[in-house]
Amino acid sequence: MTGKTTLADTMIVATGRSNVHVGAIADHLVKALREAGYPKPRVEGMPVCDWVLVDAGDAIVHIFRPEVRQFYNLEKLWSAGRPDEREPAKAG
């Protein structure tokens, strides 16, 4: 993500099999982050657990249920080059 945004240096996209699995992955991640010295990782989406975002500062982790991950398709969104790197549109 370096050079594409100032939000974070790293983005991780993961998939859980169900809402319960997504929540469990997020809980485990938050616990591991705290044990590693990140006192307050920010977490969004825990009540529903369709898509949970864990913000650990320089890294953002998205945890999705499969159909939600497919719908938002963050990999495609963030894999595109920066606007100044894209080829110019051809005149019709």
N, C-alpha and C. Protein backbone atom coordinates (compact mmCIF):
# COMPACT_ATOMS: atom_id res chain seq x y z
N MET A 1 0.81 -1.18 0.00
CA MET A 1 0.00 0.00 0.00
C MET A 1 0.86 1.26 0.00
N THR A 2 2.15 1.05 0.22
CA THR A 2 3.04 2.19 0.20
C THR A 2 2.96 2.88 -1.15
N GLY A 3 2.77 4.17 -1.14
CA GLY A 3 2.66 4.94 -2.36
C GLY A 3 1.25 5.05 -2.89
N LYS A 4 0.31 4.27 -2.34
CA LYS A 4 -1.08 4.33 -2.78
C LYS A 4 -1.96 5.10 -1.81
N THR A 5 -1.60 5.09 -0.54
CA THR A 5 -2.39 5.76 0.48
C THR A 5 -1.53 6.02 1.71
N THR A 6 -1.95 6.97 2.51
CA THR A 6 -1.27 7.23 3.77
C THR A 6 -2.00 6.57 4.94
N LEU A 7 -3.05 5.82 4.64
CA LEU A 7 -3.82 5.15 5.70
C LEU A 7 -3.00 4.13 6.46
N ALA A 8 -2.22 3.35 5.72
CA ALA A 8 -1.42 2.28 6.32
C ALA A 8 -0.36 1.84 5.33
N ASP A 9 0.66 1.16 5.84
CA ASP A 9 1.69 0.61 4.97
C ASP A 9 1.29 -0.76 4.43
N THR A 10 0.50 -1.48 5.23
CA THR A 10 0.14 -2.86 4.89
C THR A 10 -1.35 -3.07 5.08
N MET A 11 -1.96 -3.80 4.14
CA MET A 11 -3.34 -4.22 4.30
C MET A 11 -3.40 -5.73 4.12
N ILE A 12 -4.07 -6.38 5.04
CA ILE A 12 -4.25 -7.82 4.99
C ILE A 12 -5.74 -8.08 4.83
N VAL A 13 -6.09 -8.95 3.89
CA VAL A 13 -7.48 -9.32 3.66
C VAL A 13 -7.60 -10.80 3.95
N ALA A 14 -8.52 -11.15 4.85
CA ALA A 14 -8.69 -12.55 5.26
C ALA A 14 -10.17 -12.92 5.20
N THR A 15 -10.44 -14.21 5.19
CA THR A 15 -11.81 -14.70 5.12
C THR A 15 -12.07 -15.69 6.24
N GLY A 16 -13.22 -15.51 6.90
CA GLY A 16 -13.71 -16.49 7.86
C GLY A 16 -14.90 -17.20 7.27
N ARG A 17 -15.19 -18.39 7.73
CA ARG A 17 -16.27 -19.19 7.14
C ARG A 17 -17.67 -18.74 7.54
N SER A 18 -17.80 -18.04 8.66
CA SER A 18 -19.10 -17.62 9.17
C SER A 18 -18.91 -16.37 10.03
N ASN A 19 -20.01 -15.80 10.48
CA ASN A 19 -19.94 -14.63 11.36
C ASN A 19 -19.16 -14.98 12.64
N VAL A 20 -19.43 -16.16 13.18
CA VAL A 20 -18.74 -16.59 14.40
C VAL A 20 -17.24 -16.73 14.15
N HIS A 21 -16.88 -17.30 13.01
CA HIS A 21 -15.47 -17.49 12.67
C HIS A 21 -14.77 -16.14 12.47
N VAL A 22 -15.44 -15.22 11.76
CA VAL A 22 -14.87 -13.88 11.56
C VAL A 22 -14.63 -13.21 12.90
N GLY A 23 -15.61 -13.28 13.80
CA GLY A 23 -15.46 -12.68 15.13
C GLY A 23 -14.33 -13.32 15.92
N ALA A 24 -14.20 -14.63 15.83
CA ALA A 24 -13.13 -15.34 16.55
C ALA A 24 -11.75 -14.96 16.02
N ILE A 25 -11.63 -14.85 14.70
CA ILE A 25 -10.35 -14.42 14.11
C ILE A 25 -10.00 -13.03 14.61
N ALA A 26 -10.99 -12.12 14.59
CA ALA A 26 -10.75 -10.75 15.04
C ALA A 26 -10.36 -10.71 16.51
N ASP A 27 -11.06 -11.46 17.35
CA ASP A 27 -10.73 -11.51 18.78
C ASP A 27 -9.31 -12.00 19.00
N HIS A 28 -8.94 -13.06 18.30
CA HIS A 28 -7.59 -13.62 18.43
C HIS A 28 -6.54 -12.62 17.97
N LEU A 29 -6.82 -11.93 16.87
CA LEU A 29 -5.88 -10.93 16.35
C LEU A 29 -5.71 -9.78 17.34
N VAL A 30 -6.80 -9.28 17.88
CA VAL A 30 -6.72 -8.17 18.84
C VAL A 30 -5.92 -8.60 20.07
N LYS A 31 -6.16 -9.81 20.56
CA LYS A 31 -5.40 -10.31 21.72
C LYS A 31 -3.91 -10.39 21.39
N ALA A 32 -3.58 -10.92 20.21
CA ALA A 32 -2.17 -11.04 19.81
C ALA A 32 -1.53 -9.66 19.65
N LEU A 33 -2.27 -8.71 19.10
CA LEU A 33 -1.73 -7.35 18.95
C LEU A 33 -1.44 -6.73 20.31
N ARG A 34 -2.35 -6.89 21.25
CA ARG A 34 -2.13 -6.34 22.61
C ARG A 34 -0.92 -6.97 23.27
N GLU A 35 -0.78 -8.30 23.10
CA GLU A 35 0.38 -8.99 23.67
C GLU A 35 1.68 -8.55 23.01
N ALA A 36 1.60 -8.09 21.76
CA ALA A 36 2.79 -7.64 21.02
C ALA A 36 3.09 -6.16 21.27
N GLY A 37 2.28 -5.51 22.11
CA GLY A 37 2.58 -4.13 22.46
C GLY A 37 1.72 -3.07 21.81
N TYR A 38 0.68 -3.48 21.08
CA TYR A 38 -0.27 -2.51 20.53
C TYR A 38 -1.42 -2.40 21.53
N PRO A 39 -1.42 -1.37 22.37
CA PRO A 39 -2.36 -1.33 23.49
C PRO A 39 -3.83 -1.21 23.09
N LYS A 40 -4.12 -0.49 22.03
CA LYS A 40 -5.52 -0.27 21.69
C LYS A 40 -5.76 -0.33 20.18
N PRO A 41 -5.69 -1.53 19.60
CA PRO A 41 -6.04 -1.60 18.18
C PRO A 41 -7.51 -1.23 18.00
N ARG A 42 -7.81 -0.46 16.97
CA ARG A 42 -9.20 -0.05 16.73
C ARG A 42 -9.91 -1.14 15.94
N VAL A 43 -11.15 -1.42 16.36
CA VAL A 43 -11.91 -2.51 15.75
C VAL A 43 -13.28 -1.97 15.34
N GLU A 44 -13.69 -2.29 14.13
CA GLU A 44 -15.01 -1.92 13.63
C GLU A 44 -15.70 -3.16 13.08
N GLY A 45 -17.00 -3.27 13.29
CA GLY A 45 -17.80 -4.33 12.69
C GLY A 45 -18.02 -5.55 13.54
N MET A 46 -17.61 -5.53 14.80
CA MET A 46 -17.75 -6.72 15.64
C MET A 46 -19.19 -7.14 15.94
N PRO A 47 -20.13 -6.26 16.11
CA PRO A 47 -21.46 -6.77 16.46
C PRO A 47 -22.05 -7.70 15.39
N VAL A 48 -21.83 -7.41 14.13
CA VAL A 48 -22.43 -8.20 13.05
C VAL A 48 -21.46 -9.27 12.55
N CYS A 49 -20.19 -8.91 12.42
CA CYS A 49 -19.12 -9.81 11.99
C CYS A 49 -19.25 -10.29 10.55
N ASP A 50 -19.88 -9.49 9.68
CA ASP A 50 -19.82 -9.76 8.25
C ASP A 50 -18.47 -9.33 7.71
N TRP A 51 -18.01 -8.18 8.22
CA TRP A 51 -16.74 -7.57 7.82
C TRP A 51 -16.20 -6.87 9.05
N VAL A 52 -15.09 -7.34 9.55
CA VAL A 52 -14.45 -6.73 10.72
C VAL A 52 -13.14 -6.11 10.27
N LEU A 53 -12.93 -4.87 10.66
CA LEU A 53 -11.70 -4.16 10.34
C LEU A 53 -10.93 -3.97 11.64
N VAL A 54 -9.66 -4.36 11.63
CA VAL A 54 -8.77 -4.14 12.78
C VAL A 54 -7.66 -3.22 12.31
N ASP A 55 -7.58 -2.05 12.94
CA ASP A 55 -6.59 -1.04 12.60
C ASP A 55 -5.49 -1.06 13.65
N ALA A 56 -4.31 -1.50 13.24
CA ALA A 56 -3.17 -1.57 14.15
C ALA A 56 -2.13 -0.50 13.81
N GLY A 57 -2.58 0.61 13.25
CA GLY A 57 -1.66 1.69 12.92
C GLY A 57 -1.13 1.54 11.51
N ASP A 58 0.06 0.99 11.38
CA ASP A 58 0.67 0.84 10.05
C ASP A 58 0.11 -0.35 9.27
N ALA A 59 -0.72 -1.16 9.92
CA ALA A 59 -1.34 -2.31 9.26
C ALA A 59 -2.85 -2.29 9.51
N ILE A 60 -3.60 -2.57 8.46
CA ILE A 60 -5.04 -2.69 8.57
C ILE A 60 -5.40 -4.09 8.13
N VAL A 61 -6.22 -4.77 8.93
CA VAL A 61 -6.64 -6.13 8.62
C VAL A 61 -8.16 -6.13 8.41
N HIS A 62 -8.58 -6.63 7.25
CA HIS A 62 -9.99 -6.80 6.93
C HIS A 62 -10.30 -8.28 7.02
N ILE A 63 -11.33 -8.64 7.78
CA ILE A 63 -11.74 -10.05 7.90
C ILE A 63 -13.19 -10.12 7.43
N PHE A 64 -13.44 -10.89 6.39
CA PHE A 64 -14.74 -10.96 5.76
C PHE A 64 -15.35 -12.36 5.83
N ARG A 65 -16.67 -12.43 5.73
CA ARG A 65 -17.33 -13.66 5.32
C ARG A 65 -17.13 -13.76 3.81
N PRO A 66 -17.10 -14.97 3.22
CA PRO A 66 -16.75 -15.11 1.80
C PRO A 66 -17.58 -14.26 0.85
N GLU A 67 -18.90 -14.25 1.00
CA GLU A 67 -19.72 -13.50 0.04
C GLU A 67 -19.56 -12.00 0.20
N VAL A 68 -19.26 -11.54 1.40
CA VAL A 68 -19.02 -10.11 1.62
C VAL A 68 -17.68 -9.71 1.02
N ARG A 69 -16.69 -10.58 1.17
CA ARG A 69 -15.38 -10.30 0.55
C ARG A 69 -15.51 -10.22 -0.96
N GLN A 70 -16.26 -11.13 -1.54
CA GLN A 70 -16.44 -11.13 -2.99
C GLN A 70 -17.18 -9.87 -3.44
N PHE A 71 -18.18 -9.44 -2.68
CA PHE A 71 -18.96 -8.26 -3.05
C PHE A 71 -18.10 -7.00 -3.07
N TYR A 72 -17.30 -6.78 -2.01
CA TYR A 72 -16.50 -5.56 -1.92
C TYR A 72 -15.22 -5.63 -2.74
N ASN A 73 -14.66 -6.81 -2.91
CA ASN A 73 -13.50 -7.04 -3.79
C ASN A 73 -12.38 -6.00 -3.56
N LEU A 74 -11.94 -5.87 -2.32
CA LEU A 74 -10.89 -4.89 -1.99
C LEU A 74 -9.59 -5.15 -2.74
N GLU A 75 -9.31 -6.40 -3.02
CA GLU A 75 -8.07 -6.71 -3.74
C GLU A 75 -8.05 -5.99 -5.09
N LYS A 76 -9.15 -6.02 -5.80
CA LYS A 76 -9.21 -5.35 -7.09
C LYS A 76 -9.11 -3.84 -6.91
N LEU A 77 -9.81 -3.31 -5.94
CA LEU A 77 -9.80 -1.87 -5.69
C LEU A 77 -8.38 -1.37 -5.41
N TRP A 78 -7.66 -2.06 -4.53
CA TRP A 78 -6.33 -1.59 -4.13
C TRP A 78 -5.21 -2.07 -5.03
N SER A 79 -5.49 -3.01 -5.95
CA SER A 79 -4.43 -3.46 -6.84
C SER A 79 -4.23 -2.53 -8.03
N ALA A 80 -5.22 -1.68 -8.29
CA ALA A 80 -5.09 -0.73 -9.40
C ALA A 80 -3.96 0.25 -9.09
N GLY A 81 -3.28 0.70 -10.12
CA GLY A 81 -2.21 1.67 -9.95
C GLY A 81 -2.74 3.01 -9.47
N ARG A 82 -1.84 3.84 -9.01
CA ARG A 82 -2.23 5.20 -8.63
C ARG A 82 -2.72 5.93 -9.86
N PRO A 83 -3.57 6.94 -9.69
CA PRO A 83 -4.10 7.64 -10.87
C PRO A 83 -3.03 8.13 -11.82
N ASP A 84 -1.88 8.58 -11.32
CA ASP A 84 -0.84 9.09 -12.21
C ASP A 84 -0.06 7.96 -12.89
N GLU A 85 -0.30 6.70 -12.49
CA GLU A 85 0.37 5.55 -13.09
C GLU A 85 -0.48 4.88 -14.16
N ARG A 86 -1.76 5.17 -14.20
CA ARG A 86 -2.66 4.51 -15.15
C ARG A 86 -2.42 5.05 -16.55
N GLU A 87 -2.68 4.18 -17.51
CA GLU A 87 -2.55 4.61 -18.90
C GLU A 87 -3.67 5.58 -19.22
N PRO A 88 -3.39 6.60 -20.00
CA PRO A 88 -4.45 7.53 -20.37
C PRO A 88 -5.51 6.85 -21.22
N ALA A 89 -6.75 7.30 -21.05
CA ALA A 89 -7.85 6.73 -21.83
C ALA A 89 -7.65 7.09 -23.29
N LYS A 90 -7.96 6.13 -24.15
CA LYS A 90 -7.84 6.36 -25.59
C LYS A 90 -9.06 7.12 -26.09
N ALA A 91 -8.82 8.07 -26.95
CA ALA A 91 -9.93 8.84 -27.54
C ALA A 91 -10.71 7.95 -28.49
N GLY A 92 -12.03 8.07 -28.42
CA GLY A 92 -12.91 7.19 -29.17
C GLY A 92 -13.07 7.57 -30.53
